[in-house]
C-alpha atoms as a PDB file:
ATOM      1  CA  MET A   1       6.900  -0.417  -3.277  1.00  0.00           C
ATOM      2  CA  GLY A   2       4.179  -2.616  -1.925  1.00  0.00           C
ATOM      3  CA  HIS A   3       3.821  -4.801   1.112  1.00  0.00           C
ATOM      4  CA  VAL A   4       1.307  -7.515   2.019  1.00  0.00           C
ATOM      5  CA  ASN A   5       0.385  -7.454   5.706  1.00  0.00           C
ATOM      6  CA  GLU A   6      -0.163 -10.521   7.885  1.00  0.00           C
ATOM      7  CA  ASP A   7      -3.945 -10.060   7.638  1.00  0.00           C
ATOM      8  CA  GLY A   8      -3.847 -10.167   3.821  1.00  0.00           C
ATOM      9  CA  THR A   9      -4.315  -6.431   3.322  1.00  0.00           C
ATOM     10  CA  CYS A  10      -1.650  -4.430   1.532  1.00  0.00           C
ATOM     11  CA  HIS A  11      -0.110  -0.993   1.595  1.00  0.00           C
ATOM     12  CA  PHE A  12       2.133   0.959  -0.724  1.00  0.00           C
ATOM     13  CA  TYR A  13       4.846   3.496  -0.049  1.00  0.00           C
ATOM     14  CA  ALA A  14       7.449   5.592  -1.780  1.00  0.00           C
ATOM     15  CA  ASN A  15      10.475   7.476  -0.500  1.00  0.00           C
ATOM     16  CA  GLY A  16      11.564  10.599  -2.310  1.00  0.00           C
ATOM     17  CA  ASN A  17      14.318  13.163  -2.326  1.00  0.00           C
ATOM     18  CA  LEU A  18      15.013  15.136   0.872  1.00  0.00           C
ATOM     19  CA  ARG A  19      12.951  12.814   3.117  1.00  0.00           C
ATOM     20  CA  GLN A  20       9.673  13.139   1.233  1.00  0.00           C
ATOM     21  CA  ASN A  21       7.503  10.070   1.801  1.00  0.00           C
ATOM     22  CA  ILE A  22       4.051   8.799   0.914  1.00  0.00           C
ATOM     23  CA  SER A  23       2.107   5.851   2.304  1.00  0.00           C
ATOM     24  CA  ILE A  24      -1.100   4.546   0.718  1.00  0.00           C
ATOM     25  CA  ILE A  25      -3.287   2.220   2.763  1.00  0.00           C
ATOM     26  CA  PRO A  26      -6.219   1.138   0.581  1.00  0.00           C
ATOM     27  CA  HIS A  27      -8.147  -0.843   3.213  1.00  0.00           C
ATOM     28  CA  LYS A  28      -8.179   2.248   5.470  1.00  0.00           C
ATOM     29  CA  GLU A  29      -8.882   4.602   2.539  1.00  0.00           C
ATOM     30  CA  THR A  30      -5.882   6.633   3.696  1.00  0.00           C
ATOM     31  CA  VAL A  31      -2.996   8.470   2.084  1.00  0.00           C
ATOM     32  CA  ILE A  32      -0.291   9.951   4.328  1.00  0.00           C
ATOM     33  CA  VAL A  33       2.215  12.387   2.848  1.00  0.00           C
ATOM     34  CA  HIS A  34       5.304  13.706   4.602  1.00  0.00           C
ATOM     35  CA  CYS A  35       6.775  16.723   2.803  1.00  0.00           C
ATOM     36  CA  SER A  36      10.233  17.781   3.821  1.00  0.00           C
ATOM     37  CA  ASN A  37      13.117  19.798   2.503  1.00  0.00           C
ATOM     38  CA  SER A  38      15.915  18.509   4.668  1.00  0.00           C
ATOM     39  CA  LEU A  39      18.613  15.890   4.604  1.00  0.00           C
ATOM     40  CA  GLN A  40      18.404  15.696   8.401  1.00  0.00           C
ATOM     41  CA  TYR A  41      17.275  12.265   9.556  1.00  0.00           C
ATOM     42  CA  PHE A  42      13.981  12.179  11.431  1.00  0.00           C
ATOM     43  CA  SER A  43      13.933   9.760  14.328  1.00  0.00           C
ATOM     44  CA  SER A  44      12.271   6.372  14.221  1.00  0.00           C
ATOM     45  CA  ASP A  45      10.091   7.562  17.113  1.00  0.00           C
ATOM     46  CA  PHE A  46       7.985   9.215  14.418  1.00  0.00           C
ATOM     47  CA  GLY A  47       7.194   7.104  11.407  1.00  0.00           C
ATOM     48  CA  LEU A  48       4.377   7.354   8.918  1.00  0.00           C
ATOM     49  CA  TRP A  49       3.534   3.713   9.395  1.00  0.00           C
ATOM     50  CA  ASP A  50       3.281   4.206  13.172  1.00  0.00           C
ATOM     51  CA  VAL A  51       0.763   6.993  12.517  1.00  0.00           C
ATOM     52  CA  ALA A  52      -1.212   4.781  10.136  1.00  0.00           C
ATOM     53  CA  LEU A  53      -1.438   2.009  12.735  1.00  0.00           C
ATOM     54  CA  GLN A  54      -3.254   4.420  15.048  1.00  0.00           C
ATOM     55  CA  LEU A  55      -6.042   4.924  12.510  1.00  0.00           C
ATOM     56  CA  GLU A  56      -9.175   2.811  12.740  1.00  0.00           C
END
């Protein structure tokens, strides 16, 4: 899936089986991968996008 941000940049993300996730942020030249093997929900206090927002 893709998303256009308010500043005109975009990012892409995919959600996989057992909470595996990937976020691609081209304008920050960043790929974040979360590998998991659990059906347990991880809290919204930790989100890949929140991590990406901390990057400069």
